[in-house]
Amino acid sequence: EAEIVLSSGIKIKTSQSCLDVGQDIKLLARPEDVLFGDTQNKNDLSFRGKIEQVYFVGMDYQVAVSVDGFPPIKAIVRSNVTLNDKTPETGNMVSLYIPGKAIHVIRPNVQS
């Protein structure tokens, strides 16, 4: 297990242990693993941001959320899930989180 500290001071625990102290990494999560709402789990990565784009795709909404200090976060909201009893709309402020177990660490300098 490793603890990752982001430049913003946010700490994330990950099950990946083959990391070196001070190593540059990227964090990856699949859009369907980004969940809307608040979390009480300290291992989850949580954000608050504004919905910038909404697309209805099949039975789901694909949204892009702007969060200070991060590139836009893309997420998938199932059409049967509402955000505060509303469908997602551009301009809405939302809370979202990524469960710690769904965060994958990518080491950019390592080739596979």
N, C-alpha and C. Protein backbone atom coordinates (compact mmCIF):
# COMPACT_ATOMS: atom_id res chain seq x y z
N GLU A 1 0.85 -1.18 0.00
CA GLU A 1 0.00 0.00 0.00
C GLU A 1 0.89 1.24 0.00
N ALA A 2 0.44 2.27 -0.72
CA ALA A 2 1.20 3.52 -0.79
C ALA A 2 0.26 4.69 -0.54
N GLU A 3 0.81 5.77 -0.01
CA GLU A 3 0.05 7.00 0.16
C GLU A 3 0.60 8.01 -0.83
N ILE A 4 -0.30 8.60 -1.61
CA ILE A 4 0.06 9.59 -2.61
C ILE A 4 -0.41 10.95 -2.10
N VAL A 5 0.46 11.94 -2.16
CA VAL A 5 0.10 13.29 -1.74
C VAL A 5 0.12 14.18 -2.98
N LEU A 6 -1.05 14.73 -3.33
CA LEU A 6 -1.15 15.62 -4.49
C LEU A 6 -0.57 16.98 -4.15
N SER A 7 -0.26 17.77 -5.15
CA SER A 7 0.31 19.11 -4.92
C SER A 7 -0.64 19.99 -4.11
N SER A 8 -1.94 19.68 -4.16
CA SER A 8 -2.93 20.44 -3.40
C SER A 8 -2.96 20.02 -1.93
N GLY A 9 -2.21 18.96 -1.57
CA GLY A 9 -2.19 18.47 -0.19
C GLY A 9 -3.14 17.31 0.05
N ILE A 10 -3.98 16.98 -0.93
CA ILE A 10 -4.91 15.86 -0.79
C ILE A 10 -4.12 14.57 -0.75
N LYS A 11 -4.47 13.68 0.20
CA LYS A 11 -3.80 12.39 0.33
C LYS A 11 -4.71 11.27 -0.15
N ILE A 12 -4.12 10.33 -0.89
CA ILE A 12 -4.87 9.20 -1.42
C ILE A 12 -4.11 7.94 -1.07
N LYS A 13 -4.81 6.94 -0.55
CA LYS A 13 -4.17 5.64 -0.31
C LYS A 13 -4.49 4.73 -1.49
N THR A 14 -3.49 4.01 -1.95
CA THR A 14 -3.67 3.10 -3.07
C THR A 14 -3.07 1.75 -2.73
N SER A 15 -3.59 0.72 -3.35
CA SER A 15 -3.08 -0.62 -3.10
C SER A 15 -1.78 -0.87 -3.86
N GLN A 16 -1.43 0.01 -4.78
CA GLN A 16 -0.20 -0.16 -5.55
C GLN A 16 0.99 0.25 -4.69
N SER A 17 1.97 -0.64 -4.60
CA SER A 17 3.09 -0.35 -3.70
C SER A 17 4.43 -0.20 -4.42
N CYS A 18 4.45 -0.34 -5.73
CA CYS A 18 5.73 -0.26 -6.45
C CYS A 18 6.04 1.17 -6.89
N LEU A 19 5.91 2.11 -5.97
CA LEU A 19 6.15 3.52 -6.27
C LEU A 19 7.36 4.01 -5.49
N ASP A 20 8.09 4.95 -6.08
CA ASP A 20 9.24 5.55 -5.40
C ASP A 20 8.84 6.91 -4.84
N VAL A 21 9.40 7.26 -3.69
CA VAL A 21 9.13 8.56 -3.08
C VAL A 21 9.56 9.66 -4.04
N GLY A 22 8.70 10.64 -4.25
CA GLY A 22 8.99 11.77 -5.12
C GLY A 22 8.80 11.51 -6.60
N GLN A 23 8.35 10.32 -6.94
CA GLN A 23 8.16 9.95 -8.35
C GLN A 23 6.95 10.65 -8.94
N ASP A 24 7.07 11.16 -10.18
CA ASP A 24 5.93 11.74 -10.89
C ASP A 24 5.02 10.61 -11.36
N ILE A 25 3.74 10.78 -11.16
CA ILE A 25 2.75 9.77 -11.56
C ILE A 25 1.53 10.46 -12.16
N LYS A 26 0.69 9.68 -12.77
CA LYS A 26 -0.62 10.15 -13.21
C LYS A 26 -1.66 9.25 -12.55
N LEU A 27 -2.81 9.84 -12.25
CA LEU A 27 -3.91 9.08 -11.69
C LEU A 27 -4.96 8.89 -12.76
N LEU A 28 -5.51 7.71 -12.82
CA LEU A 28 -6.49 7.37 -13.83
C LEU A 28 -7.70 6.72 -13.17
N ALA A 29 -8.88 7.12 -13.62
CA ALA A 29 -10.12 6.47 -13.19
C ALA A 29 -11.06 6.45 -14.39
N ARG A 30 -11.79 5.39 -14.53
CA ARG A 30 -12.75 5.28 -15.62
C ARG A 30 -13.93 6.22 -15.34
N PRO A 31 -14.51 6.84 -16.39
CA PRO A 31 -15.63 7.78 -16.17
C PRO A 31 -16.78 7.18 -15.37
N GLU A 32 -17.04 5.88 -15.55
CA GLU A 32 -18.14 5.26 -14.80
C GLU A 32 -17.81 5.04 -13.33
N ASP A 33 -16.53 5.22 -12.94
CA ASP A 33 -16.14 5.10 -11.53
C ASP A 33 -16.23 6.43 -10.78
N VAL A 34 -16.48 7.52 -11.51
CA VAL A 34 -16.66 8.83 -10.87
C VAL A 34 -18.12 8.90 -10.43
N LEU A 35 -18.33 9.04 -9.13
CA LEU A 35 -19.68 9.01 -8.56
C LEU A 35 -20.08 10.40 -8.06
N PHE A 36 -21.37 10.68 -8.14
CA PHE A 36 -21.88 11.97 -7.70
C PHE A 36 -22.38 11.87 -6.27
N GLY A 37 -22.12 12.91 -5.50
CA GLY A 37 -22.53 12.96 -4.11
C GLY A 37 -21.31 13.13 -3.21
N ASP A 38 -21.54 13.06 -1.92
CA ASP A 38 -20.47 13.21 -0.94
C ASP A 38 -20.06 11.84 -0.43
N THR A 39 -18.83 11.73 0.02
CA THR A 39 -18.33 10.47 0.58
C THR A 39 -17.79 10.72 1.97
N GLN A 40 -17.87 9.73 2.81
CA GLN A 40 -17.29 9.80 4.15
C GLN A 40 -16.01 8.98 4.25
N ASN A 41 -15.65 8.27 3.17
CA ASN A 41 -14.49 7.41 3.18
C ASN A 41 -13.23 8.23 2.92
N LYS A 42 -12.28 8.22 3.84
CA LYS A 42 -11.08 9.04 3.71
C LYS A 42 -10.17 8.57 2.58
N ASN A 43 -10.37 7.37 2.05
CA ASN A 43 -9.56 6.88 0.94
C ASN A 43 -10.11 7.29 -0.42
N ASP A 44 -11.27 7.93 -0.43
CA ASP A 44 -11.86 8.39 -1.69
C ASP A 44 -11.32 9.77 -2.03
N LEU A 45 -11.27 10.06 -3.31
CA LEU A 45 -10.83 11.37 -3.79
C LEU A 45 -12.09 12.16 -4.13
N SER A 46 -12.35 13.25 -3.41
CA SER A 46 -13.60 14.00 -3.62
C SER A 46 -13.32 15.39 -4.17
N PHE A 47 -14.30 15.90 -4.92
CA PHE A 47 -14.19 17.20 -5.58
C PHE A 47 -15.53 17.91 -5.52
N ARG A 48 -15.48 19.21 -5.73
CA ARG A 48 -16.68 20.01 -5.97
C ARG A 48 -16.37 20.82 -7.22
N GLY A 49 -17.30 20.84 -8.15
CA GLY A 49 -17.05 21.55 -9.39
C GLY A 49 -18.32 21.92 -10.11
N LYS A 50 -18.14 22.54 -11.28
CA LYS A 50 -19.27 23.02 -12.08
C LYS A 50 -19.36 22.20 -13.36
N ILE A 51 -20.58 21.76 -13.68
CA ILE A 51 -20.79 21.01 -14.92
C ILE A 51 -20.62 21.97 -16.10
N GLU A 52 -19.68 21.64 -16.98
CA GLU A 52 -19.41 22.46 -18.15
C GLU A 52 -20.10 21.94 -19.41
N GLN A 53 -20.24 20.61 -19.51
CA GLN A 53 -20.87 20.01 -20.68
C GLN A 53 -21.70 18.81 -20.24
N VAL A 54 -22.81 18.61 -20.95
CA VAL A 54 -23.67 17.45 -20.72
C VAL A 54 -24.07 16.88 -22.07
N TYR A 55 -23.87 15.59 -22.24
CA TYR A 55 -24.31 14.89 -23.45
C TYR A 55 -25.15 13.70 -23.03
N PHE A 56 -26.29 13.51 -23.68
CA PHE A 56 -27.09 12.32 -23.43
C PHE A 56 -26.63 11.27 -24.42
N VAL A 57 -26.13 10.16 -23.92
CA VAL A 57 -25.58 9.09 -24.75
C VAL A 57 -26.31 7.79 -24.40
N GLY A 58 -27.15 7.33 -25.32
CA GLY A 58 -27.88 6.09 -25.04
C GLY A 58 -28.78 6.25 -23.84
N MET A 59 -28.44 5.58 -22.76
CA MET A 59 -29.24 5.66 -21.54
C MET A 59 -28.52 6.43 -20.42
N ASP A 60 -27.41 7.07 -20.76
CA ASP A 60 -26.61 7.75 -19.75
C ASP A 60 -26.33 9.20 -20.14
N TYR A 61 -25.92 9.98 -19.15
CA TYR A 61 -25.43 11.33 -19.40
C TYR A 61 -23.91 11.30 -19.25
N GLN A 62 -23.21 11.86 -20.20
CA GLN A 62 -21.78 12.04 -20.07
C GLN A 62 -21.58 13.51 -19.73
N VAL A 63 -20.88 13.78 -18.64
CA VAL A 63 -20.69 15.16 -18.20
C VAL A 63 -19.20 15.47 -18.05
N ALA A 64 -18.85 16.73 -18.25
CA ALA A 64 -17.51 17.22 -17.99
C ALA A 64 -17.64 18.27 -16.88
N VAL A 65 -16.90 18.07 -15.81
CA VAL A 65 -16.98 18.95 -14.64
C VAL A 65 -15.66 19.67 -14.46
N SER A 66 -15.70 21.00 -14.36
CA SER A 66 -14.48 21.76 -14.10
C SER A 66 -14.26 21.84 -12.60
N VAL A 67 -13.03 21.52 -12.19
CA VAL A 67 -12.65 21.52 -10.79
C VAL A 67 -11.36 22.31 -10.68
N ASP A 68 -11.30 23.27 -9.77
CA ASP A 68 -10.10 24.10 -9.62
C ASP A 68 -8.87 23.22 -9.41
N GLY A 69 -7.83 23.48 -10.20
CA GLY A 69 -6.57 22.80 -10.03
C GLY A 69 -6.44 21.48 -10.77
N PHE A 70 -7.48 21.07 -11.48
CA PHE A 70 -7.45 19.80 -12.20
C PHE A 70 -7.96 20.01 -13.61
N PRO A 71 -7.54 19.14 -14.54
CA PRO A 71 -8.17 19.17 -15.87
C PRO A 71 -9.64 18.79 -15.71
N PRO A 72 -10.51 19.10 -16.69
CA PRO A 72 -11.93 18.72 -16.57
C PRO A 72 -12.06 17.22 -16.29
N ILE A 73 -12.95 16.89 -15.39
CA ILE A 73 -13.21 15.50 -15.02
C ILE A 73 -14.43 15.04 -15.78
N LYS A 74 -14.28 13.95 -16.52
CA LYS A 74 -15.41 13.38 -17.27
C LYS A 74 -16.01 12.26 -16.45
N ALA A 75 -17.34 12.26 -16.41
CA ALA A 75 -18.04 11.24 -15.63
C ALA A 75 -19.27 10.79 -16.40
N ILE A 76 -19.76 9.63 -16.04
CA ILE A 76 -20.99 9.09 -16.62
C ILE A 76 -22.03 9.03 -15.51
N VAL A 77 -23.18 9.61 -15.77
CA VAL A 77 -24.29 9.57 -14.82
C VAL A 77 -25.38 8.71 -15.44
N ARG A 78 -25.77 7.67 -14.77
CA ARG A 78 -26.84 6.80 -15.27
C ARG A 78 -28.13 7.61 -15.32
N SER A 79 -28.92 7.39 -16.36
CA SER A 79 -30.13 8.20 -16.56
C SER A 79 -31.15 8.00 -15.45
N ASN A 80 -31.04 6.89 -14.68
CA ASN A 80 -31.98 6.68 -13.58
C ASN A 80 -31.48 7.31 -12.28
N VAL A 81 -30.31 7.98 -12.32
CA VAL A 81 -29.75 8.66 -11.15
C VAL A 81 -29.97 10.16 -11.32
N THR A 82 -30.44 10.81 -10.26
CA THR A 82 -30.63 12.25 -10.34
C THR A 82 -29.63 12.94 -9.41
N LEU A 83 -29.39 14.20 -9.67
CA LEU A 83 -28.52 15.01 -8.84
C LEU A 83 -29.41 16.02 -8.13
N ASN A 84 -29.63 15.79 -6.84
CA ASN A 84 -30.54 16.64 -6.07
C ASN A 84 -31.91 16.72 -6.75
N ASP A 85 -32.43 15.57 -7.17
CA ASP A 85 -33.74 15.44 -7.81
C ASP A 85 -33.82 16.14 -9.17
N LYS A 86 -32.69 16.36 -9.83
CA LYS A 86 -32.67 17.00 -11.15
C LYS A 86 -31.76 16.20 -12.07
N THR A 87 -31.99 16.31 -13.36
CA THR A 87 -31.05 15.74 -14.31
C THR A 87 -29.85 16.70 -14.40
N PRO A 88 -28.67 16.19 -14.79
CA PRO A 88 -27.50 17.07 -14.86
C PRO A 88 -27.69 18.18 -15.90
N GLU A 89 -27.33 19.40 -15.53
CA GLU A 89 -27.45 20.54 -16.44
C GLU A 89 -26.18 21.37 -16.39
N THR A 90 -25.81 21.94 -17.54
CA THR A 90 -24.65 22.82 -17.61
C THR A 90 -24.81 23.96 -16.61
N GLY A 91 -23.74 24.24 -15.88
CA GLY A 91 -23.76 25.32 -14.89
C GLY A 91 -24.04 24.86 -13.48
N ASN A 92 -24.60 23.65 -13.29
CA ASN A 92 -24.87 23.14 -11.95
C ASN A 92 -23.57 22.89 -11.19
N MET A 93 -23.55 23.22 -9.91
CA MET A 93 -22.44 22.85 -9.04
C MET A 93 -22.74 21.47 -8.48
N VAL A 94 -21.75 20.59 -8.49
CA VAL A 94 -21.95 19.22 -8.03
C VAL A 94 -20.77 18.76 -7.19
N SER A 95 -21.05 17.81 -6.31
CA SER A 95 -19.99 17.12 -5.57
C SER A 95 -19.82 15.76 -6.24
N LEU A 96 -18.58 15.34 -6.38
CA LEU A 96 -18.33 14.02 -6.93
C LEU A 96 -17.11 13.43 -6.27
N TYR A 97 -16.98 12.11 -6.39
CA TYR A 97 -15.84 11.44 -5.78
C TYR A 97 -15.47 10.20 -6.57
N ILE A 98 -14.24 9.77 -6.37
CA ILE A 98 -13.75 8.55 -6.98
C ILE A 98 -13.33 7.64 -5.83
N PRO A 99 -13.94 6.47 -5.71
CA PRO A 99 -13.53 5.55 -4.64
C PRO A 99 -12.03 5.23 -4.78
N GLY A 100 -11.33 5.18 -3.66
CA GLY A 100 -9.90 4.91 -3.67
C GLY A 100 -9.54 3.66 -4.44
N LYS A 101 -10.37 2.62 -4.33
CA LYS A 101 -10.05 1.36 -5.01
C LYS A 101 -10.19 1.47 -6.53
N ALA A 102 -10.84 2.54 -7.03
CA ALA A 102 -11.02 2.72 -8.47
C ALA A 102 -9.95 3.61 -9.09
N ILE A 103 -9.03 4.13 -8.26
CA ILE A 103 -7.97 5.00 -8.76
C ILE A 103 -6.76 4.15 -9.14
N HIS A 104 -6.32 4.31 -10.37
CA HIS A 104 -5.17 3.57 -10.87
C HIS A 104 -3.99 4.53 -11.02
N VAL A 105 -2.80 4.07 -10.64
CA VAL A 105 -1.60 4.88 -10.72
C VAL A 105 -0.83 4.49 -11.97
N ILE A 106 -0.48 5.49 -12.77
CA ILE A 106 0.30 5.27 -13.99
C ILE A 106 1.64 5.96 -13.80
N ARG A 107 2.68 5.22 -14.00
CA ARG A 107 4.04 5.79 -13.94
C ARG A 107 4.46 6.11 -15.38
N PRO A 108 4.47 7.41 -15.76
CA PRO A 108 4.72 7.77 -17.14
C PRO A 108 6.07 7.34 -17.69
N ASN A 109 7.13 7.22 -16.89
CA ASN A 109 8.46 6.88 -17.39
C ASN A 109 8.67 5.37 -17.54
N VAL A 110 7.70 4.58 -17.15
CA VAL A 110 7.86 3.13 -17.22
C VAL A 110 7.13 2.60 -18.44
N GLN A 111 7.83 1.86 -19.27
CA GLN A 111 7.21 1.26 -20.45
C GLN A 111 6.80 -0.16 -20.13
N SER A 112 5.65 -0.55 -20.67
CA SER A 112 5.20 -1.92 -20.40
C SER A 112 5.24 -2.75 -21.65
